[in-house]
Amino acid sequence: MAEKIIEEKNLVIRHSALDLVEHWAMAISGLILLLTGIFELPVAKRYYIIVVPGLGWSADFITSLYLHYAAAFVFTAAGIFHLFYHGLRGEKGMIPQKGDLAASITVMKSLVGIGKEPPMHKYLPEQRLAYVGMAVIMLMLIASGLVKTYKNIYAPDMSHAVLLWATWIHNIFFVLFFLAFLAHMAAIALRPNWPMVRGIFTGAVRLDYARHR
């Protein structure tokens, strides 16, 4: 979306309400997928997760599986919507550009006091690179998850080799998704990024911060 500047409030609207709904739909469903994916393993009783208030169901494989399916539907729908909506609108702000890797290194060095961060546009270069990485992870999770779901519902006699490949791909990219989630949280925890936290909830950030960065 085009940014809207509100000078009198020292704010710039970076994200629309639709952008926020889209982001939180993927974020919440992604978190549920992480948790239910773990709960499908025999860990809830072993590590006493079931004694946590509200998580008594976590040792029930079928409940975890159904919640996983429901979250996967929201996650997939939000991802498809994002792809087509922003693609048809010609929005390319998150597409990596030439020099993003070098610029990302410069930004990372500035965060630990080495050098000065150069002025940036709406999206930082490392955000664009992370966007592509997350897109690949999501694509592989969705594709392998669809194969596993198809097997569970329609093809119980699916080729063992196909199922094995789908399972390995799903598990590997599950780990990558978890690591990407941790990296995302770590980025938010960095002090220079704190002013952007407001934008995650309201879509707006301070105008002076946006102009500086």
N, C-alpha and C. Protein backbone atom coordinates (compact mmCIF):
# COMPACT_ATOMS: atom_id res chain seq x y z
N MET A 1 0.83 -1.18 0.00
CA MET A 1 0.00 0.00 0.00
C MET A 1 0.88 1.25 0.00
N ALA A 2 0.32 2.37 -0.50
CA ALA A 2 1.05 3.63 -0.48
C ALA A 2 1.05 4.15 0.96
N GLU A 3 2.19 4.66 1.39
CA GLU A 3 2.30 5.14 2.76
C GLU A 3 1.54 6.46 2.92
N LYS A 4 0.87 6.60 4.05
CA LYS A 4 0.13 7.81 4.36
C LYS A 4 0.81 8.50 5.54
N ILE A 5 1.18 9.75 5.35
CA ILE A 5 1.89 10.50 6.39
C ILE A 5 0.91 11.39 7.15
N ILE A 6 0.97 11.31 8.48
CA ILE A 6 0.16 12.16 9.35
C ILE A 6 1.14 13.03 10.14
N GLU A 7 1.47 14.19 9.58
CA GLU A 7 2.50 15.05 10.15
C GLU A 7 2.18 15.46 11.59
N GLU A 8 0.91 15.86 11.85
CA GLU A 8 0.57 16.38 13.17
C GLU A 8 0.70 15.35 14.28
N LYS A 9 0.65 14.06 13.92
CA LYS A 9 0.80 12.99 14.91
C LYS A 9 2.17 12.32 14.84
N ASN A 10 3.02 12.83 13.95
CA ASN A 10 4.36 12.25 13.76
C ASN A 10 4.27 10.75 13.46
N LEU A 11 3.35 10.39 12.55
CA LEU A 11 3.13 8.99 12.20
C LEU A 11 3.13 8.81 10.70
N VAL A 12 3.51 7.62 10.28
CA VAL A 12 3.36 7.21 8.89
C VAL A 12 2.67 5.85 8.91
N ILE A 13 1.61 5.72 8.12
CA ILE A 13 0.87 4.46 8.03
C ILE A 13 1.57 3.58 7.01
N ARG A 14 2.24 2.55 7.47
CA ARG A 14 3.02 1.67 6.59
C ARG A 14 2.22 0.48 6.09
N HIS A 15 1.25 0.04 6.88
CA HIS A 15 0.50 -1.16 6.53
C HIS A 15 -1.00 -0.93 6.72
N SER A 16 -1.79 -1.41 5.77
CA SER A 16 -3.24 -1.28 5.85
C SER A 16 -3.82 -2.30 6.82
N ALA A 17 -5.10 -2.14 7.15
CA ALA A 17 -5.78 -3.09 8.03
C ALA A 17 -5.75 -4.49 7.41
N LEU A 18 -5.89 -4.55 6.08
CA LEU A 18 -5.85 -5.84 5.39
C LEU A 18 -4.48 -6.50 5.53
N ASP A 19 -3.43 -5.69 5.44
CA ASP A 19 -2.07 -6.22 5.62
C ASP A 19 -1.90 -6.83 7.01
N LEU A 20 -2.46 -6.14 8.01
CA LEU A 20 -2.34 -6.63 9.39
C LEU A 20 -3.11 -7.93 9.59
N VAL A 21 -4.33 -8.00 9.04
CA VAL A 21 -5.12 -9.24 9.15
C VAL A 21 -4.38 -10.39 8.49
N GLU A 22 -3.83 -10.11 7.32
CA GLU A 22 -3.07 -11.12 6.57
C GLU A 22 -1.86 -11.60 7.38
N HIS A 23 -1.12 -10.66 7.94
CA HIS A 23 0.08 -10.99 8.72
C HIS A 23 -0.28 -11.83 9.94
N TRP A 24 -1.29 -11.40 10.69
CA TRP A 24 -1.63 -12.11 11.91
C TRP A 24 -2.29 -13.45 11.64
N ALA A 25 -2.99 -13.56 10.51
CA ALA A 25 -3.57 -14.87 10.15
C ALA A 25 -2.45 -15.88 9.94
N MET A 26 -1.39 -15.46 9.24
CA MET A 26 -0.27 -16.37 9.01
C MET A 26 0.55 -16.59 10.28
N ALA A 27 0.70 -15.53 11.08
CA ALA A 27 1.50 -15.65 12.31
C ALA A 27 0.84 -16.58 13.32
N ILE A 28 -0.45 -16.38 13.57
CA ILE A 28 -1.14 -17.19 14.57
C ILE A 28 -1.30 -18.63 14.10
N SER A 29 -1.71 -18.80 12.83
CA SER A 29 -1.86 -20.16 12.31
C SER A 29 -0.51 -20.86 12.25
N GLY A 30 0.56 -20.11 11.93
CA GLY A 30 1.90 -20.69 11.91
C GLY A 30 2.34 -21.15 13.28
N LEU A 31 2.02 -20.36 14.31
CA LEU A 31 2.37 -20.74 15.68
C LEU A 31 1.60 -21.99 16.11
N ILE A 32 0.32 -22.05 15.73
CA ILE A 32 -0.49 -23.23 16.05
C ILE A 32 0.07 -24.46 15.34
N LEU A 33 0.51 -24.28 14.10
CA LEU A 33 1.11 -25.39 13.35
C LEU A 33 2.38 -25.89 14.05
N LEU A 34 3.19 -24.95 14.53
CA LEU A 34 4.41 -25.35 15.25
C LEU A 34 4.07 -26.18 16.48
N LEU A 35 3.14 -25.68 17.28
CA LEU A 35 2.79 -26.36 18.52
C LEU A 35 2.14 -27.71 18.28
N THR A 36 1.15 -27.74 17.38
CA THR A 36 0.46 -29.01 17.13
C THR A 36 1.36 -30.01 16.43
N GLY A 37 2.30 -29.51 15.62
CA GLY A 37 3.26 -30.41 15.00
C GLY A 37 4.12 -31.10 16.05
N ILE A 38 4.49 -30.34 17.08
CA ILE A 38 5.27 -30.92 18.19
C ILE A 38 4.40 -31.87 19.00
N PHE A 39 3.14 -31.48 19.23
CA PHE A 39 2.25 -32.30 20.06
C PHE A 39 1.86 -33.62 19.39
N GLU A 40 2.05 -33.71 18.07
CA GLU A 40 1.79 -34.99 17.40
C GLU A 40 2.87 -36.01 17.73
N LEU A 41 3.97 -35.53 18.29
CA LEU A 41 5.02 -36.42 18.79
C LEU A 41 4.70 -36.78 20.24
N PRO A 42 5.23 -37.88 20.75
CA PRO A 42 4.92 -38.28 22.14
C PRO A 42 5.71 -37.48 23.17
N VAL A 43 5.45 -36.18 23.23
CA VAL A 43 6.22 -35.32 24.14
C VAL A 43 5.36 -34.69 25.24
N ALA A 44 4.05 -34.57 25.00
CA ALA A 44 3.21 -33.84 25.95
C ALA A 44 3.19 -34.46 27.34
N LYS A 45 3.04 -35.78 27.39
CA LYS A 45 3.05 -36.45 28.70
C LYS A 45 4.45 -36.55 29.26
N ARG A 46 5.39 -36.83 28.38
CA ARG A 46 6.78 -37.03 28.82
C ARG A 46 7.34 -35.80 29.51
N TYR A 47 7.01 -34.63 28.96
CA TYR A 47 7.54 -33.38 29.51
C TYR A 47 6.49 -32.58 30.27
N TYR A 48 5.42 -33.25 30.66
CA TYR A 48 4.38 -32.67 31.52
C TYR A 48 3.72 -31.42 30.93
N ILE A 49 3.66 -31.37 29.62
CA ILE A 49 2.97 -30.24 28.97
C ILE A 49 1.48 -30.28 29.29
N ILE A 50 0.96 -31.49 29.47
CA ILE A 50 -0.48 -31.64 29.72
C ILE A 50 -0.92 -31.02 31.04
N VAL A 51 0.02 -30.75 31.95
CA VAL A 51 -0.37 -30.15 33.23
C VAL A 51 -0.47 -28.63 33.13
N VAL A 52 -0.02 -28.06 32.00
CA VAL A 52 -0.13 -26.62 31.80
C VAL A 52 -1.60 -26.29 31.57
N PRO A 53 -2.16 -25.32 32.29
CA PRO A 53 -3.58 -24.97 32.13
C PRO A 53 -3.94 -24.70 30.67
N GLY A 54 -4.97 -25.39 30.19
CA GLY A 54 -5.42 -25.21 28.81
C GLY A 54 -4.78 -26.12 27.80
N LEU A 55 -3.77 -26.90 28.22
CA LEU A 55 -3.07 -27.79 27.29
C LEU A 55 -3.27 -29.26 27.62
N GLY A 56 -4.33 -29.57 28.34
CA GLY A 56 -4.61 -30.96 28.67
C GLY A 56 -4.85 -31.83 27.46
N TRP A 57 -5.26 -31.20 26.35
CA TRP A 57 -5.54 -31.93 25.11
C TRP A 57 -4.26 -32.27 24.34
N SER A 58 -3.13 -31.71 24.73
CA SER A 58 -1.91 -31.81 23.92
C SER A 58 -1.39 -33.22 23.73
N ALA A 59 -1.80 -34.17 24.59
CA ALA A 59 -1.34 -35.55 24.44
C ALA A 59 -2.27 -36.37 23.56
N ASP A 60 -3.38 -35.75 23.12
CA ASP A 60 -4.35 -36.44 22.25
C ASP A 60 -3.94 -36.23 20.80
N PHE A 61 -3.45 -37.28 20.15
CA PHE A 61 -2.94 -37.16 18.78
C PHE A 61 -4.01 -36.66 17.81
N ILE A 62 -5.22 -37.20 17.90
CA ILE A 62 -6.28 -36.83 16.96
C ILE A 62 -6.66 -35.36 17.11
N THR A 63 -6.77 -34.89 18.34
CA THR A 63 -7.08 -33.47 18.57
C THR A 63 -5.99 -32.58 17.98
N SER A 64 -4.74 -32.94 18.23
CA SER A 64 -3.62 -32.17 17.68
C SER A 64 -3.63 -32.19 16.16
N LEU A 65 -3.97 -33.35 15.59
CA LEU A 65 -4.00 -33.49 14.13
C LEU A 65 -5.08 -32.62 13.52
N TYR A 66 -6.28 -32.62 14.11
CA TYR A 66 -7.38 -31.81 13.58
C TYR A 66 -7.08 -30.31 13.70
N LEU A 67 -6.48 -29.92 14.83
CA LEU A 67 -6.09 -28.52 14.99
C LEU A 67 -5.00 -28.16 13.98
N HIS A 68 -4.11 -29.10 13.70
CA HIS A 68 -3.06 -28.89 12.71
C HIS A 68 -3.67 -28.67 11.33
N TYR A 69 -4.67 -29.47 10.98
CA TYR A 69 -5.34 -29.33 9.70
C TYR A 69 -6.04 -27.97 9.60
N ALA A 70 -6.74 -27.58 10.67
CA ALA A 70 -7.46 -26.31 10.66
C ALA A 70 -6.50 -25.13 10.49
N ALA A 71 -5.40 -25.16 11.24
CA ALA A 71 -4.40 -24.10 11.14
C ALA A 71 -3.74 -24.10 9.77
N ALA A 72 -3.51 -25.30 9.21
CA ALA A 72 -2.90 -25.42 7.89
C ALA A 72 -3.80 -24.80 6.82
N PHE A 73 -5.12 -24.96 6.98
CA PHE A 73 -6.06 -24.37 6.02
C PHE A 73 -5.95 -22.84 6.04
N VAL A 74 -5.93 -22.25 7.24
CA VAL A 74 -5.81 -20.80 7.36
C VAL A 74 -4.46 -20.33 6.82
N PHE A 75 -3.40 -21.04 7.18
CA PHE A 75 -2.04 -20.71 6.76
C PHE A 75 -1.92 -20.73 5.24
N THR A 76 -2.46 -21.78 4.62
CA THR A 76 -2.40 -21.92 3.17
C THR A 76 -3.24 -20.86 2.48
N ALA A 77 -4.45 -20.63 2.98
CA ALA A 77 -5.35 -19.64 2.39
C ALA A 77 -4.73 -18.24 2.46
N ALA A 78 -4.14 -17.91 3.61
CA ALA A 78 -3.51 -16.60 3.76
C ALA A 78 -2.31 -16.45 2.83
N GLY A 79 -1.54 -17.52 2.67
CA GLY A 79 -0.39 -17.49 1.77
C GLY A 79 -0.80 -17.30 0.32
N ILE A 80 -1.85 -18.01 -0.10
CA ILE A 80 -2.34 -17.88 -1.48
C ILE A 80 -2.91 -16.49 -1.71
N PHE A 81 -3.67 -15.98 -0.73
CA PHE A 81 -4.22 -14.63 -0.84
C PHE A 81 -3.10 -13.61 -0.98
N HIS A 82 -2.08 -13.74 -0.14
CA HIS A 82 -0.94 -12.82 -0.19
C HIS A 82 -0.29 -12.82 -1.57
N LEU A 83 -0.07 -14.00 -2.10
CA LEU A 83 0.59 -14.14 -3.40
C LEU A 83 -0.20 -13.46 -4.51
N PHE A 84 -1.50 -13.75 -4.58
CA PHE A 84 -2.31 -13.22 -5.68
C PHE A 84 -2.68 -11.76 -5.47
N TYR A 85 -3.04 -11.39 -4.25
CA TYR A 85 -3.47 -10.01 -4.00
C TYR A 85 -2.35 -9.02 -4.28
N HIS A 86 -1.20 -9.26 -3.67
CA HIS A 86 -0.09 -8.32 -3.85
C HIS A 86 0.56 -8.48 -5.22
N GLY A 87 0.51 -9.70 -5.76
CA GLY A 87 1.05 -9.90 -7.10
C GLY A 87 0.25 -9.16 -8.15
N LEU A 88 -1.08 -9.26 -8.07
CA LEU A 88 -1.94 -8.58 -9.04
C LEU A 88 -1.87 -7.07 -8.90
N ARG A 89 -1.56 -6.59 -7.72
CA ARG A 89 -1.42 -5.14 -7.50
C ARG A 89 -0.04 -4.63 -7.89
N GLY A 90 0.83 -5.57 -8.29
CA GLY A 90 2.17 -5.18 -8.73
C GLY A 90 3.07 -4.67 -7.62
N GLU A 91 2.82 -5.11 -6.39
CA GLU A 91 3.63 -4.67 -5.25
C GLU A 91 4.90 -5.52 -5.17
N LYS A 92 6.04 -4.88 -5.33
CA LYS A 92 7.31 -5.61 -5.39
C LYS A 92 8.31 -5.16 -4.33
N GLY A 93 7.80 -4.48 -3.30
CA GLY A 93 8.69 -3.95 -2.27
C GLY A 93 9.48 -5.00 -1.52
N MET A 94 8.93 -6.23 -1.43
CA MET A 94 9.60 -7.29 -0.69
C MET A 94 10.45 -8.21 -1.58
N ILE A 95 10.48 -7.93 -2.87
CA ILE A 95 11.29 -8.74 -3.78
C ILE A 95 12.76 -8.31 -3.66
N PRO A 96 13.69 -9.25 -3.45
CA PRO A 96 15.11 -8.89 -3.32
C PRO A 96 15.62 -8.09 -4.51
N GLN A 97 16.53 -7.17 -4.20
CA GLN A 97 17.12 -6.32 -5.21
C GLN A 97 18.63 -6.54 -5.26
N LYS A 98 19.23 -6.09 -6.34
CA LYS A 98 20.67 -6.21 -6.47
C LYS A 98 21.37 -5.45 -5.35
N GLY A 99 22.31 -6.09 -4.71
CA GLY A 99 23.06 -5.45 -3.63
C GLY A 99 22.48 -5.67 -2.25
N ASP A 100 21.37 -6.41 -2.16
CA ASP A 100 20.73 -6.63 -0.86
C ASP A 100 21.62 -7.40 0.11
N LEU A 101 22.37 -8.36 -0.41
CA LEU A 101 23.22 -9.17 0.47
C LEU A 101 24.30 -8.31 1.12
N ALA A 102 24.96 -7.49 0.31
CA ALA A 102 26.01 -6.61 0.85
C ALA A 102 25.42 -5.58 1.80
N ALA A 103 24.25 -5.04 1.44
CA ALA A 103 23.59 -4.06 2.31
C ALA A 103 23.17 -4.69 3.63
N SER A 104 22.74 -5.95 3.57
CA SER A 104 22.33 -6.65 4.79
C SER A 104 23.50 -6.80 5.75
N ILE A 105 24.67 -7.11 5.19
CA ILE A 105 25.88 -7.26 6.02
C ILE A 105 26.22 -5.93 6.69
N THR A 106 26.06 -4.83 5.93
CA THR A 106 26.32 -3.50 6.48
C THR A 106 25.38 -3.19 7.63
N VAL A 107 24.10 -3.53 7.45
CA VAL A 107 23.10 -3.28 8.49
C VAL A 107 23.42 -4.12 9.73
N MET A 108 23.74 -5.40 9.53
CA MET A 108 24.05 -6.29 10.65
C MET A 108 25.26 -5.77 11.44
N LYS A 109 26.27 -5.30 10.73
CA LYS A 109 27.46 -4.77 11.39
C LYS A 109 27.12 -3.53 12.20
N SER A 110 26.23 -2.69 11.66
CA SER A 110 25.86 -1.46 12.37
C SER A 110 25.13 -1.77 13.67
N LEU A 111 24.40 -2.89 13.70
CA LEU A 111 23.65 -3.26 14.90
C LEU A 111 24.55 -3.63 16.07
N VAL A 112 25.79 -4.01 15.76
CA VAL A 112 26.74 -4.35 16.83
C VAL A 112 27.81 -3.26 16.97
N GLY A 113 27.51 -2.08 16.42
CA GLY A 113 28.40 -0.94 16.60
C GLY A 113 29.53 -0.81 15.62
N ILE A 114 29.51 -1.60 14.55
CA ILE A 114 30.57 -1.51 13.53
C ILE A 114 30.02 -0.73 12.34
N GLY A 115 30.44 0.51 12.20
CA GLY A 115 29.97 1.32 11.10
C GLY A 115 28.61 1.93 11.38
N LYS A 116 28.09 2.65 10.40
CA LYS A 116 26.81 3.33 10.52
C LYS A 116 25.83 2.78 9.49
N GLU A 117 24.60 2.59 9.93
CA GLU A 117 23.59 2.05 9.01
C GLU A 117 23.21 3.10 7.98
N PRO A 118 23.26 2.77 6.69
CA PRO A 118 22.87 3.73 5.66
C PRO A 118 21.36 3.91 5.63
N PRO A 119 20.86 5.02 5.08
CA PRO A 119 19.41 5.22 4.97
C PRO A 119 18.78 4.10 4.14
N MET A 120 17.61 3.66 4.56
CA MET A 120 16.94 2.56 3.87
C MET A 120 15.55 2.97 3.41
N HIS A 121 14.98 2.15 2.55
CA HIS A 121 13.60 2.37 2.11
C HIS A 121 12.66 1.69 3.10
N LYS A 122 11.42 1.49 2.70
CA LYS A 122 10.41 0.92 3.60
C LYS A 122 10.85 -0.42 4.16
N TYR A 123 11.36 -1.29 3.30
CA TYR A 123 11.80 -2.61 3.74
C TYR A 123 13.32 -2.69 3.74
N LEU A 124 13.87 -3.24 4.81
CA LEU A 124 15.31 -3.41 4.90
C LEU A 124 15.76 -4.54 3.98
N PRO A 125 17.01 -4.51 3.51
CA PRO A 125 17.48 -5.56 2.60
C PRO A 125 17.39 -6.95 3.19
N GLU A 126 17.67 -7.08 4.50
CA GLU A 126 17.59 -8.41 5.12
C GLU A 126 16.15 -8.89 5.23
N GLN A 127 15.19 -7.93 5.28
CA GLN A 127 13.78 -8.31 5.28
C GLN A 127 13.40 -8.93 3.94
N ARG A 128 13.91 -8.35 2.85
CA ARG A 128 13.60 -8.88 1.53
C ARG A 128 14.20 -10.27 1.33
N LEU A 129 15.42 -10.47 1.80
CA LEU A 129 16.05 -11.79 1.69
C LEU A 129 15.31 -12.81 2.55
N ALA A 130 14.94 -12.40 3.76
CA ALA A 130 14.21 -13.30 4.66
C ALA A 130 12.84 -13.65 4.08
N TYR A 131 12.24 -12.70 3.38
CA TYR A 131 10.93 -12.91 2.77
C TYR A 131 10.97 -14.07 1.77
N VAL A 132 12.00 -14.07 0.93
CA VAL A 132 12.14 -15.14 -0.06
C VAL A 132 12.40 -16.47 0.63
N GLY A 133 13.27 -16.44 1.64
CA GLY A 133 13.55 -17.67 2.39
C GLY A 133 12.31 -18.24 3.03
N MET A 134 11.50 -17.38 3.66
CA MET A 134 10.27 -17.84 4.29
C MET A 134 9.27 -18.33 3.25
N ALA A 135 9.23 -17.68 2.09
CA ALA A 135 8.31 -18.12 1.03
C ALA A 135 8.64 -19.54 0.58
N VAL A 136 9.93 -19.84 0.43
CA VAL A 136 10.36 -21.18 0.03
C VAL A 136 9.99 -22.20 1.11
N ILE A 137 10.24 -21.83 2.37
CA ILE A 137 9.90 -22.73 3.48
C ILE A 137 8.40 -23.02 3.50
N MET A 138 7.59 -21.97 3.36
CA MET A 138 6.14 -22.14 3.37
C MET A 138 5.68 -23.02 2.22
N LEU A 139 6.25 -22.79 1.03
CA LEU A 139 5.87 -23.57 -0.14
C LEU A 139 6.15 -25.05 0.06
N MET A 140 7.32 -25.37 0.59
CA MET A 140 7.68 -26.76 0.80
C MET A 140 6.84 -27.40 1.90
N LEU A 141 6.53 -26.64 2.95
CA LEU A 141 5.67 -27.17 4.02
C LEU A 141 4.27 -27.46 3.50
N ILE A 142 3.73 -26.52 2.73
CA ILE A 142 2.37 -26.70 2.20
C ILE A 142 2.31 -27.87 1.23
N ALA A 143 3.28 -27.94 0.31
CA ALA A 143 3.28 -29.01 -0.69
C ALA A 143 3.43 -30.38 -0.04
N SER A 144 4.39 -30.52 0.87
CA SER A 144 4.59 -31.81 1.54
C SER A 144 3.42 -32.13 2.47
N GLY A 145 2.86 -31.10 3.10
CA GLY A 145 1.70 -31.31 3.96
C GLY A 145 0.49 -31.78 3.19
N LEU A 146 0.30 -31.26 1.99
CA LEU A 146 -0.83 -31.69 1.15
C LEU A 146 -0.69 -33.16 0.77
N VAL A 147 0.54 -33.59 0.49
CA VAL A 147 0.77 -35.00 0.15
C VAL A 147 0.41 -35.88 1.34
N LYS A 148 0.85 -35.49 2.54
CA LYS A 148 0.57 -36.28 3.74
C LYS A 148 -0.93 -36.29 4.06
N THR A 149 -1.59 -35.16 3.85
CA THR A 149 -3.03 -35.08 4.10
C THR A 149 -3.80 -35.94 3.11
N TYR A 150 -3.39 -35.88 1.84
CA TYR A 150 -4.04 -36.69 0.81
C TYR A 150 -3.92 -38.17 1.16
N LYS A 151 -2.75 -38.56 1.65
CA LYS A 151 -2.54 -39.95 2.05
C LYS A 151 -3.48 -40.33 3.19
N ASN A 152 -3.58 -39.46 4.20
CA ASN A 152 -4.42 -39.76 5.37
C ASN A 152 -5.90 -39.87 5.03
N ILE A 153 -6.36 -39.06 4.07
CA ILE A 153 -7.79 -39.00 3.78
C ILE A 153 -8.21 -39.86 2.60
N TYR A 154 -7.42 -39.82 1.53
CA TYR A 154 -7.86 -40.47 0.29
C TYR A 154 -7.02 -41.67 -0.15
N ALA A 155 -5.77 -41.74 0.27
CA ALA A 155 -4.89 -42.79 -0.27
C ALA A 155 -4.08 -43.46 0.83
N PRO A 156 -4.71 -44.24 1.69
CA PRO A 156 -3.96 -44.91 2.76
C PRO A 156 -2.91 -45.89 2.24
N ASP A 157 -3.05 -46.30 0.98
CA ASP A 157 -2.08 -47.23 0.39
C ASP A 157 -1.06 -46.51 -0.49
N MET A 158 -0.87 -45.23 -0.26
CA MET A 158 0.10 -44.44 -1.04
C MET A 158 1.48 -45.09 -0.98
N SER A 159 2.23 -44.93 -2.06
CA SER A 159 3.59 -45.47 -2.14
C SER A 159 4.40 -45.06 -0.91
N HIS A 160 5.04 -46.03 -0.31
CA HIS A 160 5.85 -45.76 0.89
C HIS A 160 6.97 -44.78 0.59
N ALA A 161 7.56 -44.88 -0.60
CA ALA A 161 8.66 -43.99 -0.98
C ALA A 161 8.19 -42.54 -1.06
N VAL A 162 7.00 -42.34 -1.67
CA VAL A 162 6.45 -40.99 -1.80
C VAL A 162 6.16 -40.41 -0.41
N LEU A 163 5.53 -41.22 0.44
CA LEU A 163 5.21 -40.77 1.79
C LEU A 163 6.47 -40.46 2.60
N LEU A 164 7.49 -41.29 2.43
CA LEU A 164 8.74 -41.08 3.15
C LEU A 164 9.39 -39.76 2.74
N TRP A 165 9.41 -39.50 1.42
CA TRP A 165 9.98 -38.25 0.93
C TRP A 165 9.19 -37.05 1.46
N ALA A 166 7.86 -37.15 1.41
CA ALA A 166 7.01 -36.05 1.89
C ALA A 166 7.24 -35.80 3.38
N THR A 167 7.38 -36.87 4.14
CA THR A 167 7.58 -36.75 5.58
C THR A 167 8.93 -36.10 5.90
N TRP A 168 9.97 -36.54 5.22
CA TRP A 168 11.29 -35.97 5.44
C TRP A 168 11.32 -34.49 5.07
N ILE A 169 10.73 -34.16 3.93
CA ILE A 169 10.69 -32.75 3.50
C ILE A 169 9.91 -31.91 4.51
N HIS A 170 8.77 -32.44 4.96
CA HIS A 170 7.94 -31.72 5.92
C HIS A 170 8.70 -31.50 7.23
N ASN A 171 9.38 -32.52 7.70
CA ASN A 171 10.12 -32.41 8.96
C ASN A 171 11.30 -31.44 8.86
N ILE A 172 12.03 -31.52 7.76
CA ILE A 172 13.19 -30.64 7.58
C ILE A 172 12.74 -29.18 7.52
N PHE A 173 11.69 -28.91 6.75
CA PHE A 173 11.24 -27.52 6.62
C PHE A 173 10.47 -27.05 7.85
N PHE A 174 9.96 -28.00 8.64
CA PHE A 174 9.39 -27.64 9.94
C PHE A 174 10.48 -27.05 10.83
N VAL A 175 11.64 -27.70 10.85
CA VAL A 175 12.77 -27.20 11.65
C VAL A 175 13.22 -25.84 11.14
N LEU A 176 13.30 -25.69 9.82
CA LEU A 176 13.70 -24.41 9.23
C LEU A 176 12.69 -23.31 9.56
N PHE A 177 11.40 -23.68 9.56
CA PHE A 177 10.35 -22.72 9.91
C PHE A 177 10.51 -22.26 11.36
N PHE A 178 10.80 -23.21 12.23
CA PHE A 178 11.00 -22.89 13.65
C PHE A 178 12.21 -21.96 13.82
N LEU A 179 13.30 -22.25 13.11
CA LEU A 179 14.49 -21.40 13.19
C LEU A 179 14.21 -20.01 12.63
N ALA A 180 13.42 -19.95 11.54
CA ALA A 180 13.06 -18.65 10.96
C ALA A 180 12.21 -17.85 11.94
N PHE A 181 11.32 -18.54 12.65
CA PHE A 181 10.49 -17.89 13.67
C PHE A 181 11.37 -17.31 14.78
N LEU A 182 12.36 -18.08 15.25
CA LEU A 182 13.27 -17.59 16.28
C LEU A 182 14.06 -16.38 15.78
N ALA A 183 14.49 -16.42 14.52
CA ALA A 183 15.24 -15.30 13.94
C ALA A 183 14.36 -14.05 13.87
N HIS A 184 13.10 -14.25 13.53
CA HIS A 184 12.15 -13.14 13.45
C HIS A 184 11.97 -12.49 14.83
N MET A 185 11.82 -13.32 15.86
CA MET A 185 11.69 -12.82 17.22
C MET A 185 12.97 -12.11 17.68
N ALA A 186 14.11 -12.66 17.29
CA ALA A 186 15.39 -12.06 17.66
C ALA A 186 15.55 -10.69 17.02
N ALA A 187 15.10 -10.56 15.77
CA ALA A 187 15.19 -9.28 15.07
C ALA A 187 14.33 -8.22 15.77
N ILE A 188 13.15 -8.63 16.23
CA ILE A 188 12.27 -7.70 16.93
C ILE A 188 12.89 -7.26 18.26
N ALA A 189 13.65 -8.16 18.87
CA ALA A 189 14.25 -7.86 20.18
C ALA A 189 15.41 -6.87 20.09
N LEU A 190 15.96 -6.65 18.88
CA LEU A 190 17.07 -5.71 18.73
C LEU A 190 16.57 -4.29 18.94
N ARG A 191 17.25 -3.52 19.74
CA ARG A 191 16.80 -2.18 20.12
C ARG A 191 16.49 -1.26 18.93
N PRO A 192 17.33 -1.22 17.88
CA PRO A 192 17.01 -0.34 16.75
C PRO A 192 15.68 -0.67 16.06
N ASN A 193 15.19 -1.89 16.26
CA ASN A 193 13.94 -2.29 15.62
C ASN A 193 12.70 -2.09 16.50
N TRP A 194 12.90 -1.68 17.74
CA TRP A 194 11.77 -1.54 18.65
C TRP A 194 10.66 -0.64 18.12
N PRO A 195 10.98 0.52 17.50
CA PRO A 195 9.91 1.39 17.02
C PRO A 195 9.00 0.71 15.98
N MET A 196 9.49 -0.35 15.33
CA MET A 196 8.67 -1.03 14.33
C MET A 196 7.65 -1.98 14.94
N VAL A 197 7.81 -2.28 16.25
CA VAL A 197 6.86 -3.19 16.90
C VAL A 197 5.46 -2.60 16.85
N ARG A 198 5.37 -1.29 17.02
CA ARG A 198 4.06 -0.63 16.96
C ARG A 198 3.35 -0.92 15.65
N GLY A 199 4.12 -0.92 14.56
CA GLY A 199 3.54 -1.16 13.24
C GLY A 199 2.94 -2.54 13.08
N ILE A 200 3.45 -3.51 13.85
CA ILE A 200 2.92 -4.88 13.78
C ILE A 200 1.48 -4.93 14.25
N PHE A 201 1.13 -4.03 15.19
CA PHE A 201 -0.21 -4.04 15.77
C PHE A 201 -1.13 -2.96 15.21
N THR A 202 -0.55 -1.81 14.82
CA THR A 202 -1.38 -0.69 14.37
C THR A 202 -1.18 -0.33 12.90
N GLY A 203 -0.07 -0.78 12.32
CA GLY A 203 0.23 -0.42 10.94
C GLY A 203 0.99 0.89 10.81
N ALA A 204 1.18 1.60 11.94
CA ALA A 204 1.85 2.90 11.91
C ALA A 204 3.14 2.88 12.71
N VAL A 205 4.11 3.69 12.26
CA VAL A 205 5.35 3.89 13.01
C VAL A 205 5.62 5.39 13.07
N ARG A 206 6.53 5.78 13.96
CA ARG A 206 6.86 7.19 14.09
C ARG A 206 7.46 7.71 12.79
N LEU A 207 7.03 8.90 12.39
CA LEU A 207 7.51 9.49 11.14
C LEU A 207 8.99 9.81 11.21
N ASP A 208 9.45 10.34 12.34
CA ASP A 208 10.87 10.68 12.46
C ASP A 208 11.74 9.43 12.36
N TYR A 209 11.26 8.31 12.89
CA TYR A 209 12.00 7.05 12.80
C TYR A 209 12.05 6.57 11.35
N ALA A 210 10.91 6.64 10.66
CA ALA A 210 10.85 6.19 9.26
C ALA A 210 11.77 7.04 8.38
N ARG A 211 11.82 8.33 8.63
CA ARG A 211 12.67 9.21 7.83
C ARG A 211 14.15 8.97 8.13
N HIS A 212 14.44 8.65 9.39
CA HIS A 212 15.83 8.39 9.78
C HIS A 212 16.31 7.07 9.20
N ARG A 213 15.42 6.08 9.18
CA ARG A 213 15.83 4.74 8.78
C ARG A 213 15.27 4.38 7.42
